[in-house]
Amino acid sequence: MADFPIVIGINRTQDGSIAVAVGESGMYSLQKERITRRKHHWGRLGDLPDRYLPAMPLLKEPVDLVVEGYSSDTEIENLEEYHEELRETLSLKEGAPIVQVSHHLSHLYSAFHPSPFEQAAGLVVDNQGSRVRHFTEPFTPPPGASPDLLEVASFYRCTRDGVECLAKQLWHGDWADPAGLGCFYALLTKALWPEGEGNEGKVMGLAPYGDPDALGLPGLDVREHEVLIPRAWTEVFARREDFLYEPGGEPFRLAANLAAAGQRAFEDALAALAGWLHARTGLDRLAFAGGTALNCSANGRLIRRSPFREVFIPPSPHDGGTAVGCALYGLEAVLGRKGSWRWENDYLGPDPDESEITAAVGSLPEGLVAEQPEDLLGAMVALLEDGRVVGLHQGRSESGPRALGNRSIIADPRRPDIQDYVNYEVKGREWFRPLAPLVLAEHAQRFFEVDRAAPFMQYAADVRPECRELLPGVTHVDGTARLQTVEPRHTPFLHALLTRWYERTGMPVLINTSLNGPGQPLTETPEHSIDTLRTTGMHALVMPPYLIRKAD
């Protein structure tokens, strides 16, 4: 075995993705949607040669091991076709194994192993994972349980020497009789937005506009580690046409009330699961993953009010992050290497190619002009102070769904009208969607009620009451904000920008939202970002060392 093994992890589920572990300390990851421009794009045959290989030069290196993650019956039944594609596309070393890891275990390896913890409780909660017959971890199901049952929540005790599954909630998969916290939030989302995927964030943003008591709906039925859905909720989900989101009037009020009731029920049930797991393990640290871990409002409550002293949520807790989990599982559980990579930043995309940036700037579409200012930061601050909305494209892309400064849209949070402008003219989305703040870490406690860093924008915190009028662009209707704290170590350009902005305005906070147009995933290439500037109401794009503006 080479001193620096290369392990490839591939997620074949929703939010298809690939990861490459380079030795014990290097990691790259890319979601399929960034290349195809189709949000939540599932992993399929053809991805490796047609999507990933052209985008990630590392995949041409000799490979020691491939680990695949599945949760979909259709895809896991196509193993032979996938393995033939792997052998044809990759330079597999002689005897290099191809192994599978079940879904929740891949989530766990994406959360605990790159966390700062030596030991922790592990919690994975999502819509549905692998079937019992496909589990790749020691687990004894209840007597008589069908091998076709699906995992919907898993609970672990984790150390650097191994992980132990303490319990799982299993479900038969019949949506007429749903169970589990992930199923609940999926049905809640479909009741409000029946079309499309990935609308859970809309529910979270809408909930503070509603009254959680207005519909008289109960909390969820939590029995130790299992979450059951009361009939009152399933009856509401069956009448989903009564609660479809509309932007105003009585339909809006009904939709907001349902979102509020659902968000509260979700948060209460998650808190109960965390309490059960804490009591079962006696551990003070928690690693949490699965699609439900993208709910930053619930995460804020988990961090502030759960019995766990410390909580780690990776920046890609959803299925897109399971490719990283697959790669780490291969490194540690299969090859027996102790990985030293920790998820300290989320810039895991391919290394940038300066020639691609130069070529893209050299062939700008009509109506765009590029310059190289002597003081790029100063030019960006001047545009922001003048009320302009500026894209920022730099370095390796973020692996998760949150823009963290490398594929971001930046704006002035002091302007009362900026949220509407960004939502309507740039993002093309609902008016109530909140925008997130960037804040210099050393000033975070002046403006937000926080007691820890938030580098991944994974939890909501209260904006201090005396600061809310100062920050209308990032303060949600409930007084919260999903902040990102910025330090110079991992984000030097972002830190320098905020520092210059603070020196100029006395405000160490800026707006940060994802760099993409309506309905699109985060941009990946220079061409994607330039196209977003061209087709939206964004005013300029900074792509160091270039500043690209609209000619008018």
Protein backbone atom coordinates (compact mmCIF):
# COMPACT_ATOMS: atom_id res chain seq x y z
CA MET A 1 0.00 0.00 0.00
CA ALA A 2 1.31 3.48 -0.85
CA ASP A 3 2.19 5.91 1.91
CA PHE A 4 -0.58 8.16 0.66
CA PRO A 5 -3.55 5.98 -0.27
CA ILE A 6 -6.27 7.46 -2.45
CA VAL A 7 -9.77 6.45 -1.38
CA ILE A 8 -12.79 7.43 -3.44
CA GLY A 9 -16.22 7.73 -1.88
CA ILE A 10 -19.29 7.90 -4.12
CA ASN A 11 -22.82 8.77 -3.03
CA ARG A 12 -25.36 7.14 -5.36
CA THR A 13 -28.45 8.68 -3.71
CA GLN A 14 -30.17 12.06 -3.86
CA ASP A 15 -27.64 14.92 -3.97
CA GLY A 16 -25.22 12.64 -5.80
CA SER A 17 -21.60 13.40 -4.92
CA ILE A 18 -18.03 12.16 -4.97
CA ALA A 19 -15.15 12.56 -2.50
CA VAL A 20 -11.46 11.78 -2.69
CA ALA A 21 -9.46 11.19 0.48
CA VAL A 22 -5.77 11.79 -0.23
CA GLY A 23 -3.77 10.09 2.48
CA GLU A 24 -4.86 10.63 6.06
CA SER A 25 -5.19 14.41 5.86
CA GLY A 26 -6.46 15.51 2.44
CA MET A 27 -10.06 15.70 1.21
CA TYR A 28 -11.83 16.80 -1.95
CA SER A 29 -15.57 16.63 -2.63
CA LEU A 30 -17.98 17.72 -5.34
CA GLN A 31 -21.74 17.43 -5.74
CA LYS A 32 -23.17 16.38 -9.08
CA GLU A 33 -25.60 19.31 -9.10
CA ARG A 34 -22.72 21.79 -9.34
CA ILE A 35 -21.79 20.37 -12.71
CA THR A 36 -25.21 19.55 -14.17
CA ARG A 37 -26.90 22.70 -12.75
CA ARG A 38 -29.86 20.58 -11.58
CA LYS A 39 -30.51 20.82 -7.85
CA HIS A 40 -30.50 17.60 -5.79
CA HIS A 41 -29.46 15.59 -8.84
CA TRP A 42 -29.41 11.86 -7.98
CA GLY A 43 -26.34 9.71 -8.50
CA ARG A 44 -26.62 7.56 -11.63
CA LEU A 45 -24.62 5.50 -14.09
CA GLY A 46 -22.49 7.75 -16.28
CA ASP A 47 -21.68 10.21 -13.51
CA LEU A 48 -18.10 9.07 -13.08
CA PRO A 49 -16.88 9.28 -16.70
CA ASP A 50 -19.16 12.11 -17.84
CA ARG A 51 -19.46 14.40 -14.80
CA TYR A 52 -16.81 13.82 -12.17
CA LEU A 53 -13.72 12.77 -14.13
CA PRO A 54 -13.57 15.95 -16.27
CA ALA A 55 -14.06 18.13 -13.18
CA MET A 56 -11.65 16.42 -10.76
CA PRO A 57 -8.14 15.68 -12.08
CA LEU A 58 -7.36 13.68 -8.93
CA LEU A 59 -9.61 10.90 -10.22
CA LYS A 60 -6.94 10.07 -12.80
CA GLU A 61 -4.51 9.01 -10.05
CA PRO A 62 -4.03 5.32 -9.03
CA VAL A 63 -6.83 4.38 -6.63
CA ASP A 64 -6.45 2.12 -3.57
CA LEU A 65 -10.13 1.70 -2.67
CA VAL A 66 -13.62 2.73 -3.75
CA VAL A 67 -16.52 2.95 -1.26
CA GLU A 68 -20.07 3.36 -2.53
CA GLY A 69 -23.05 4.61 -0.54
CA TYR A 70 -26.63 3.65 -1.46
CA SER A 71 -30.09 4.04 -0.01
CA SER A 72 -32.12 3.52 -3.16
CA ASP A 73 -33.16 -0.02 -4.10
CA THR A 74 -33.01 0.79 -7.80
CA GLU A 75 -29.37 1.81 -7.68
CA ILE A 76 -28.04 -0.88 -5.33
CA GLU A 77 -29.56 -3.45 -7.66
CA ASN A 78 -27.29 -2.12 -10.42
CA LEU A 79 -24.01 -2.96 -8.65
CA GLU A 80 -22.46 -4.88 -11.53
CA GLU A 81 -23.03 -2.02 -13.98
CA TYR A 82 -21.54 0.48 -11.53
CA HIS A 83 -18.51 -1.71 -10.88
CA GLU A 84 -17.88 -2.18 -14.58
CA GLU A 85 -18.00 1.60 -14.97
CA LEU A 86 -15.55 2.03 -12.07
CA ARG A 87 -13.10 -0.44 -13.58
CA GLU A 88 -13.34 1.20 -17.01
CA THR A 89 -13.02 4.79 -15.75
CA LEU A 90 -10.57 4.69 -12.83
CA SER A 91 -6.98 3.50 -12.51
CA LEU A 92 -7.72 0.91 -9.86
CA LYS A 93 -4.59 -0.61 -8.35
CA GLU A 94 -4.29 -4.38 -8.58
CA GLY A 95 -6.59 -5.90 -5.98
CA ALA A 96 -8.17 -2.55 -5.08
CA PRO A 97 -11.50 -3.43 -3.45
CA ILE A 98 -14.90 -1.88 -4.18
CA VAL A 99 -17.08 -1.99 -1.07
CA GLN A 100 -20.48 -0.67 -0.01
CA VAL A 101 -21.45 1.13 3.18
CA SER A 102 -25.05 1.52 4.34
CA HIS A 103 -26.60 4.95 4.37
CA HIS A 104 -26.72 5.99 8.02
CA LEU A 105 -23.23 4.66 8.64
CA SER A 106 -21.93 6.88 5.82
CA HIS A 107 -23.70 9.85 7.45
CA LEU A 108 -22.09 8.97 10.79
CA TYR A 109 -18.60 8.79 9.28
CA SER A 110 -19.18 12.23 7.73
CA ALA A 111 -20.01 13.69 11.16
CA PHE A 112 -18.04 12.06 13.97
CA HIS A 113 -14.77 11.20 12.24
CA PRO A 114 -14.04 14.73 10.90
CA SER A 115 -15.28 16.30 14.16
CA PRO A 116 -12.91 17.60 16.86
CA PHE A 117 -14.17 14.98 19.34
CA GLU A 118 -12.31 11.93 20.64
CA GLN A 119 -15.59 10.39 21.74
CA ALA A 120 -19.20 11.45 21.23
CA ALA A 121 -22.77 10.35 20.87
CA GLY A 122 -23.78 10.04 17.22
CA LEU A 123 -27.23 10.91 15.85
CA VAL A 124 -28.42 10.40 12.27
CA VAL A 125 -31.97 11.40 11.32
CA ASP A 126 -33.24 11.59 7.76
CA ASN A 127 -36.13 10.71 5.47
CA GLN A 128 -35.09 7.12 4.88
CA GLY A 129 -31.84 5.22 4.59
CA SER A 130 -30.85 1.64 3.81
CA ARG A 131 -32.94 -1.47 4.24
CA VAL A 132 -32.07 -3.87 7.06
CA ARG A 133 -30.80 -6.45 4.54
CA HIS A 134 -28.24 -3.93 3.25
CA PHE A 135 -26.82 -2.82 6.62
CA THR A 136 -23.02 -2.92 6.78
CA GLU A 137 -22.81 -2.31 10.53
CA PRO A 138 -23.48 -4.71 13.42
CA PHE A 139 -27.13 -4.28 14.37
CA THR A 140 -29.70 -6.72 15.70
CA PRO A 141 -33.22 -5.79 14.55
CA PRO A 142 -36.23 -6.60 16.72
CA PRO A 143 -37.38 -10.24 16.60
CA GLY A 144 -39.42 -10.92 13.47
CA ALA A 145 -38.47 -7.63 11.80
CA SER A 146 -38.60 -7.75 8.03
CA PRO A 147 -35.27 -7.36 6.20
CA ASP A 148 -37.04 -4.81 4.00
CA LEU A 149 -37.54 -2.28 6.81
CA LEU A 150 -35.83 1.09 6.33
CA GLU A 151 -33.68 3.00 8.82
CA VAL A 152 -35.06 6.49 9.58
CA ALA A 153 -33.02 7.32 12.70
CA SER A 154 -29.83 5.81 14.14
CA PHE A 155 -28.13 6.32 17.49
CA TYR A 156 -24.47 5.63 18.23
CA ARG A 157 -21.67 5.68 20.78
CA CYS A 158 -18.50 6.77 18.96
CA THR A 159 -14.80 6.64 19.81
CA ARG A 160 -11.70 6.85 17.64
CA ASP A 161 -11.39 3.07 18.05
CA GLY A 162 -14.84 2.25 16.72
CA VAL A 163 -18.55 3.02 16.66
CA GLU A 164 -21.38 1.12 18.30
CA CYS A 165 -24.97 1.33 17.08
CA LEU A 166 -27.20 1.58 20.14
CA ALA A 167 -30.59 1.72 18.43
CA LYS A 168 -32.42 2.44 15.20
CA GLN A 169 -35.94 3.45 14.32
CA LEU A 170 -37.11 1.28 11.44
CA TRP A 171 -40.04 1.93 9.09
CA HIS A 172 -41.87 -0.16 6.52
CA GLY A 173 -41.76 2.57 3.88
CA ASP A 174 -45.53 2.97 3.32
CA TRP A 175 -46.16 6.71 3.05
CA ALA A 176 -49.81 6.14 3.96
CA ASP A 177 -48.53 5.20 7.42
CA PRO A 178 -45.46 7.42 7.95
CA ALA A 179 -43.07 7.39 10.88
CA GLY A 180 -39.91 9.17 11.88
CA LEU A 181 -38.81 12.78 12.09
CA GLY A 182 -37.45 12.95 8.55
CA CYS A 183 -40.67 11.56 7.06
CA PHE A 184 -42.66 14.09 9.08
CA TYR A 185 -40.76 17.10 7.78
CA ALA A 186 -40.84 15.75 4.21
CA LEU A 187 -44.64 15.45 4.37
CA LEU A 188 -44.95 18.88 5.98
CA THR A 189 -42.89 20.35 3.13
CA LYS A 190 -44.95 18.58 0.45
CA ALA A 191 -48.18 19.88 2.01
CA LEU A 192 -46.95 23.45 1.44
CA TRP A 193 -44.88 23.00 -1.74
CA PRO A 194 -45.95 19.78 -3.49
CA GLU A 195 -43.73 20.37 -6.53
CA GLY A 196 -39.99 19.89 -6.64
CA GLU A 197 -37.40 18.74 -4.12
CA GLY A 198 -35.44 20.47 -1.39
CA ASN A 199 -38.07 22.93 -0.17
CA GLU A 200 -37.52 22.19 3.52
CA GLY A 201 -35.64 25.45 3.98
CA LYS A 202 -38.71 27.36 2.82
CA VAL A 203 -40.77 25.78 5.60
CA MET A 204 -38.17 26.81 8.16
CA GLY A 205 -38.16 30.39 6.86
CA LEU A 206 -41.97 30.60 6.71
CA ALA A 207 -42.61 29.21 10.20
CA PRO A 208 -41.89 32.42 12.18
CA TYR A 209 -44.72 34.18 10.30
CA GLY A 210 -47.32 31.75 11.67
CA ASP A 211 -49.03 30.88 14.94
CA PRO A 212 -48.08 27.33 16.03
CA ASP A 213 -51.27 27.01 18.10
CA ALA A 214 -53.77 28.24 15.50
CA LEU A 215 -54.55 24.83 13.98
CA GLY A 216 -54.70 22.95 17.27
CA LEU A 217 -52.23 20.34 16.10
CA PRO A 218 -50.46 18.13 18.67
CA GLY A 219 -46.79 17.49 19.14
CA LEU A 220 -45.26 14.32 17.74
CA ASP A 221 -45.40 11.10 19.73
CA VAL A 222 -41.83 10.39 20.91
CA ARG A 223 -41.29 7.00 22.54
CA GLU A 224 -37.67 6.71 23.66
CA HIS A 225 -35.74 6.75 20.34
CA GLU A 226 -38.76 6.50 18.04
CA VAL A 227 -40.93 9.28 16.62
CA LEU A 228 -44.51 8.47 15.63
CA ILE A 229 -46.82 10.82 13.74
CA PRO A 230 -50.28 11.36 15.30
CA ARG A 231 -53.36 10.89 13.15
CA ALA A 232 -54.21 14.60 13.35
CA TRP A 233 -51.06 15.29 11.34
CA THR A 234 -51.63 12.58 8.74
CA GLU A 235 -55.14 13.93 8.23
CA VAL A 236 -53.71 17.39 7.58
CA PHE A 237 -51.19 15.96 5.12
CA ALA A 238 -54.02 14.19 3.31
CA ARG A 239 -55.72 17.61 2.82
CA ARG A 240 -52.61 19.25 1.46
CA GLU A 241 -54.59 21.31 -1.06
CA ASP A 242 -55.91 23.36 1.89
CA PHE A 243 -52.44 24.57 2.87
CA LEU A 244 -50.64 25.26 -0.39
CA TYR A 245 -48.36 28.27 -0.07
CA GLU A 246 -49.55 31.52 -1.60
CA PRO A 247 -47.69 34.83 -1.16
CA GLY A 248 -50.50 36.70 0.59
CA GLY A 249 -53.94 36.75 2.19
CA GLU A 250 -55.69 33.85 3.91
CA PRO A 251 -53.74 31.12 2.04
CA PHE A 252 -50.49 32.63 3.31
CA ARG A 253 -51.80 32.73 6.87
CA LEU A 254 -52.86 29.07 6.74
CA ALA A 255 -49.55 27.98 5.22
CA ALA A 256 -47.57 29.95 7.80
CA ASN A 257 -49.60 28.49 10.67
CA LEU A 258 -48.97 24.97 9.42
CA ALA A 259 -45.25 25.66 9.01
CA ALA A 260 -45.11 27.11 12.54
CA ALA A 261 -46.88 24.11 14.07
CA GLY A 262 -44.69 21.70 12.14
CA GLN A 263 -41.44 23.46 12.99
CA ARG A 264 -42.31 23.48 16.69
CA ALA A 265 -43.29 19.80 16.64
CA PHE A 266 -40.05 18.97 14.83
CA GLU A 267 -37.89 20.91 17.29
CA ASP A 268 -39.61 19.38 20.33
CA ALA A 269 -39.19 15.84 18.96
CA LEU A 270 -35.55 16.39 18.03
CA ALA A 271 -34.88 17.72 21.54
CA ALA A 272 -36.50 14.60 22.99
CA LEU A 273 -34.34 12.30 20.83
CA ALA A 274 -31.21 14.17 21.89
CA GLY A 275 -32.27 13.88 25.53
CA TRP A 276 -32.80 10.12 25.18
CA LEU A 277 -29.40 9.67 23.50
CA HIS A 278 -27.63 11.76 26.15
CA ALA A 279 -29.19 9.71 28.92
CA ARG A 280 -28.27 6.47 27.14
CA THR A 281 -24.61 7.40 26.49
CA GLY A 282 -23.76 9.78 29.33
CA LEU A 283 -21.54 11.65 26.87
CA ASP A 284 -21.34 15.44 26.67
CA ARG A 285 -20.59 15.74 22.96
CA LEU A 286 -22.86 15.07 19.99
CA ALA A 287 -22.15 14.54 16.28
CA PHE A 288 -25.35 15.07 14.29
CA ALA A 289 -26.00 14.39 10.59
CA GLY A 290 -28.73 13.48 8.12
CA GLY A 291 -30.96 15.78 6.09
CA THR A 292 -32.74 17.03 9.22
CA ALA A 293 -29.44 18.53 10.41
CA LEU A 294 -29.88 21.29 7.80
CA ASN A 295 -32.66 22.78 9.96
CA CYS A 296 -30.69 25.67 11.45
CA SER A 297 -33.55 26.82 13.70
CA ALA A 298 -33.72 23.40 15.35
CA ASN A 299 -29.92 23.24 15.45
CA GLY A 300 -29.80 26.50 17.36
CA ARG A 301 -32.12 25.06 19.99
CA LEU A 302 -30.11 21.81 20.10
CA ILE A 303 -26.87 23.71 20.67
CA ARG A 304 -28.26 26.11 23.28
CA ARG A 305 -30.69 23.94 25.23
CA SER A 306 -29.87 20.24 24.83
CA PRO A 307 -27.97 18.40 27.59
CA PHE A 308 -24.95 18.09 25.26
CA ARG A 309 -22.19 20.61 26.02
CA GLU A 310 -20.81 20.55 22.48
CA VAL A 311 -22.50 19.73 19.17
CA PHE A 312 -20.74 19.17 15.83
CA ILE A 313 -22.80 19.36 12.64
CA PRO A 314 -20.80 19.03 9.42
CA PRO A 315 -21.36 21.65 6.72
CA SER A 316 -22.69 18.85 4.47
CA PRO A 317 -24.93 16.86 6.83
CA HIS A 318 -27.29 15.93 4.00
CA ASP A 319 -26.85 13.13 1.46
CA GLY A 320 -24.34 15.23 -0.48
CA GLY A 321 -21.93 14.84 2.43
CA THR A 322 -22.12 11.05 2.53
CA ALA A 323 -19.45 10.78 -0.18
CA VAL A 324 -17.03 12.21 2.39
CA GLY A 325 -18.38 9.69 4.90
CA CYS A 326 -17.80 6.88 2.39
CA ALA A 327 -14.20 7.96 1.82
CA LEU A 328 -13.50 8.22 5.55
CA TYR A 329 -15.13 4.85 6.19
CA GLY A 330 -12.83 3.35 3.56
CA LEU A 331 -9.74 4.98 5.02
CA GLU A 332 -10.46 4.01 8.61
CA ALA A 333 -12.68 0.92 8.66
CA VAL A 334 -11.37 -0.82 5.52
CA LEU A 335 -7.71 0.26 5.22
CA GLY A 336 -7.21 0.66 8.97
CA ARG A 337 -5.66 4.15 8.69
CA LYS A 338 -6.30 6.76 11.36
CA GLY A 339 -7.52 9.78 9.45
CA SER A 340 -6.33 13.18 10.66
CA TRP A 341 -8.51 15.30 8.36
CA ARG A 342 -10.98 17.44 10.31
CA TRP A 343 -13.87 19.43 8.82
CA GLU A 344 -12.40 22.82 9.79
CA ASN A 345 -13.46 24.48 6.55
CA ASP A 346 -15.81 23.47 3.75
CA TYR A 347 -13.74 24.43 0.73
CA LEU A 348 -13.42 20.91 -0.66
CA GLY A 349 -14.03 21.52 -4.36
CA PRO A 350 -11.41 20.97 -7.08
CA ASP A 351 -8.30 23.16 -6.98
CA PRO A 352 -8.95 26.29 -9.06
CA ASP A 353 -7.31 26.53 -12.45
CA GLU A 354 -6.12 30.10 -13.01
CA SER A 355 -6.10 29.57 -16.76
CA GLU A 356 -9.86 28.86 -16.66
CA ILE A 357 -10.48 32.18 -14.90
CA THR A 358 -8.30 34.04 -17.40
CA ALA A 359 -10.06 32.38 -20.32
CA ALA A 360 -13.53 33.12 -18.92
CA VAL A 361 -12.68 36.77 -18.31
CA GLY A 362 -11.14 37.00 -21.77
CA SER A 363 -14.39 35.94 -23.44
CA LEU A 364 -17.00 37.85 -21.46
CA PRO A 365 -20.52 38.07 -22.89
CA GLU A 366 -21.60 41.38 -24.37
CA GLY A 367 -22.58 43.89 -21.70
CA LEU A 368 -19.94 42.87 -19.16
CA VAL A 369 -16.56 44.53 -18.64
CA ALA A 370 -13.59 43.40 -16.53
CA GLU A 371 -10.82 45.32 -14.80
CA GLN A 372 -8.01 44.56 -12.37
CA PRO A 373 -8.17 47.27 -9.69
CA GLU A 374 -5.00 48.02 -7.77
CA ASP A 375 -7.12 47.89 -4.61
CA LEU A 376 -9.65 45.13 -5.25
CA LEU A 377 -10.96 45.13 -1.66
CA GLY A 378 -11.40 48.90 -1.74
CA ALA A 379 -13.32 48.72 -5.02
CA MET A 380 -15.60 46.00 -3.60
CA VAL A 381 -16.26 47.97 -0.39
CA ALA A 382 -17.13 51.08 -2.42
CA LEU A 383 -19.67 49.13 -4.48
CA LEU A 384 -21.24 47.62 -1.35
CA GLU A 385 -21.45 51.01 0.35
CA ASP A 386 -23.20 52.34 -2.74
CA GLY A 387 -25.92 49.70 -2.33
CA ARG A 388 -24.65 47.34 -5.01
CA VAL A 389 -24.99 43.54 -4.79
CA VAL A 390 -21.66 41.86 -5.56
CA GLY A 391 -20.85 38.22 -6.27
CA LEU A 392 -17.65 36.67 -4.92
CA HIS A 393 -16.06 33.70 -6.70
CA GLN A 394 -12.71 32.50 -5.36
CA GLY A 395 -10.74 29.37 -4.52
CA ARG A 396 -12.17 25.88 -4.03
CA SER A 397 -15.97 25.68 -3.93
CA GLU A 398 -17.95 24.80 -0.83
CA SER A 399 -19.04 21.16 -0.62
CA GLY A 400 -22.27 21.83 1.26
CA PRO A 401 -25.39 23.82 0.39
CA ARG A 402 -24.29 26.92 2.33
CA ALA A 403 -22.24 29.60 0.60
CA LEU A 404 -19.34 30.39 2.94
CA GLY A 405 -17.52 33.08 1.00
CA ASN A 406 -16.09 31.24 -2.01
CA ARG A 407 -19.32 31.18 -4.05
CA SER A 408 -21.26 33.99 -2.35
CA ILE A 409 -23.36 37.07 -3.00
CA ILE A 410 -22.40 39.95 -0.69
CA ALA A 411 -24.46 43.03 0.21
CA ASP A 412 -24.96 45.75 2.86
CA PRO A 413 -27.16 44.50 5.75
CA ARG A 414 -27.98 48.04 6.95
CA ARG A 415 -30.34 48.69 4.03
CA PRO A 416 -34.03 47.97 4.75
CA ASP A 417 -34.82 47.22 1.10
CA ILE A 418 -31.86 44.94 0.39
CA GLN A 419 -33.59 41.66 1.32
CA ASP A 420 -36.43 42.28 -1.13
CA TYR A 421 -33.98 43.26 -3.86
CA VAL A 422 -31.85 40.13 -3.44
CA ASN A 423 -34.84 37.81 -3.13
CA TYR A 424 -36.73 39.24 -6.11
CA GLU A 425 -34.13 40.61 -8.51
CA VAL A 426 -31.25 38.18 -7.93
CA LYS A 427 -32.50 34.94 -6.40
CA GLY A 428 -36.03 34.94 -7.86
CA ARG A 429 -37.53 33.45 -4.71
CA GLU A 430 -40.16 34.06 -2.03
CA TRP A 431 -40.17 37.41 -0.25
CA PHE A 432 -39.97 35.92 3.25
CA ARG A 433 -36.69 34.04 2.72
CA PRO A 434 -34.06 35.36 5.16
CA LEU A 435 -30.51 36.35 4.22
CA ALA A 436 -27.55 35.35 6.35
CA PRO A 437 -24.91 37.55 7.99
CA LEU A 438 -21.14 37.33 7.84
CA VAL A 439 -19.53 38.74 10.97
CA LEU A 440 -15.96 39.15 12.15
CA ALA A 441 -15.59 36.50 14.85
CA GLU A 442 -14.17 38.95 17.38
CA HIS A 443 -17.30 41.12 17.07
CA ALA A 444 -19.95 38.39 16.89
CA GLN A 445 -21.08 38.64 20.52
CA ARG A 446 -21.72 42.40 20.16
CA PHE A 447 -24.46 41.73 17.61
CA PHE A 448 -25.61 38.13 18.18
CA GLU A 449 -26.39 36.07 21.25
CA VAL A 450 -23.71 33.44 20.66
CA ASP A 451 -21.09 31.76 22.81
CA ARG A 452 -19.21 29.80 20.15
CA ALA A 453 -17.91 30.04 16.59
CA ALA A 454 -20.27 29.41 13.67
CA PRO A 455 -17.98 28.91 10.66
CA PHE A 456 -20.47 26.77 8.71
CA MET A 457 -23.66 28.83 9.06
CA GLN A 458 -25.38 25.80 10.60
CA TYR A 459 -27.45 27.30 13.41
CA ALA A 460 -29.68 30.30 14.03
CA ALA A 461 -29.00 32.68 16.89
CA ASP A 462 -30.84 35.70 18.25
CA VAL A 463 -29.80 39.10 16.94
CA ARG A 464 -29.37 41.27 20.02
CA PRO A 465 -32.52 43.40 20.36
CA GLU A 466 -30.58 46.66 20.30
CA CYS A 467 -28.94 45.63 16.99
CA ARG A 468 -31.99 44.51 15.04
CA GLU A 469 -32.80 47.93 13.60
CA LEU A 470 -29.15 48.28 12.59
CA LEU A 471 -29.28 45.02 10.60
CA PRO A 472 -32.65 44.85 8.81
CA GLY A 473 -31.14 42.93 5.90
CA VAL A 474 -30.28 39.86 8.00
CA THR A 475 -32.70 39.95 10.95
CA HIS A 476 -35.55 37.49 10.39
CA VAL A 477 -39.08 38.26 11.59
CA ASP A 478 -38.45 36.24 14.78
CA GLY A 479 -35.30 38.22 15.58
CA THR A 480 -32.86 35.47 14.58
CA ALA A 481 -30.13 35.12 11.97
CA ARG A 482 -28.14 32.18 10.59
CA LEU A 483 -24.70 33.69 11.04
CA GLN A 484 -21.24 32.77 9.80
CA THR A 485 -18.33 33.87 11.96
CA VAL A 486 -15.21 34.77 9.98
CA GLU A 487 -11.60 34.30 11.05
CA PRO A 488 -8.47 34.86 8.94
CA ARG A 489 -7.08 31.31 9.04
CA HIS A 490 -9.45 29.66 6.56
CA THR A 491 -11.03 32.72 4.94
CA PRO A 492 -8.30 35.37 4.51
CA PHE A 493 -9.99 37.31 1.68
CA LEU A 494 -13.35 37.31 3.44
CA HIS A 495 -11.74 38.43 6.70
CA ALA A 496 -9.85 41.20 4.91
CA LEU A 497 -13.07 42.33 3.19
CA LEU A 498 -15.01 42.47 6.46
CA THR A 499 -12.13 44.29 8.14
CA ARG A 500 -12.06 46.96 5.40
CA TRP A 501 -15.85 47.22 5.55
CA TYR A 502 -15.70 47.67 9.33
CA GLU A 503 -13.02 50.35 9.01
CA ARG A 504 -15.12 52.16 6.42
CA THR A 505 -18.59 51.87 8.00
CA GLY A 506 -18.12 50.87 11.65
CA MET A 507 -20.20 47.74 10.95
CA PRO A 508 -18.40 44.33 11.06
CA VAL A 509 -21.33 42.55 9.38
CA LEU A 510 -22.19 41.87 5.73
CA ILE A 511 -24.92 39.88 3.99
CA ASN A 512 -23.88 36.53 2.53
CA THR A 513 -26.15 34.39 0.38
CA SER A 514 -25.39 31.70 -2.19
CA LEU A 515 -24.07 32.66 -5.62
CA ASN A 516 -26.71 31.28 -7.96
CA GLY A 517 -29.67 32.36 -10.04
CA PRO A 518 -33.33 31.35 -9.56
CA GLY A 519 -33.74 27.64 -8.85
CA GLN A 520 -30.06 26.88 -9.42
CA PRO A 521 -27.44 25.24 -7.19
CA LEU A 522 -24.30 27.08 -6.12
CA THR A 523 -22.05 28.04 -9.02
CA GLU A 524 -18.94 25.96 -9.59
CA THR A 525 -17.01 27.31 -12.57
CA PRO A 526 -16.08 30.87 -13.55
CA GLU A 527 -18.55 30.60 -16.44
CA HIS A 528 -21.38 29.70 -14.04
CA SER A 529 -20.68 32.77 -11.89
CA ILE A 530 -20.34 35.09 -14.88
CA ASP A 531 -23.64 33.79 -16.25
CA THR A 532 -25.30 34.52 -12.89
CA LEU A 533 -24.07 38.11 -13.11
CA ARG A 534 -25.34 38.39 -16.69
CA THR A 535 -28.82 36.96 -16.06
CA THR A 536 -29.76 38.37 -12.63
CA GLY A 537 -29.98 41.72 -10.89
CA MET A 538 -26.51 41.31 -9.38
CA HIS A 539 -24.40 44.37 -10.16
CA ALA A 540 -20.82 43.08 -10.16
CA LEU A 541 -18.70 39.97 -9.65
CA VAL A 542 -15.35 39.80 -7.90
CA MET A 543 -13.15 36.95 -9.15
CA PRO A 544 -9.69 37.83 -7.85
CA PRO A 545 -7.81 39.57 -9.33
CA TYR A 546 -10.71 40.69 -11.53
CA LEU A 547 -13.72 42.91 -10.94
CA ILE A 548 -16.43 42.31 -13.54
CA ARG A 549 -19.26 44.81 -13.90
CA LYS A 550 -22.26 45.36 -16.05
CA ALA A 551 -21.39 47.95 -18.67
CA ASP A 552 -24.39 50.14 -17.80
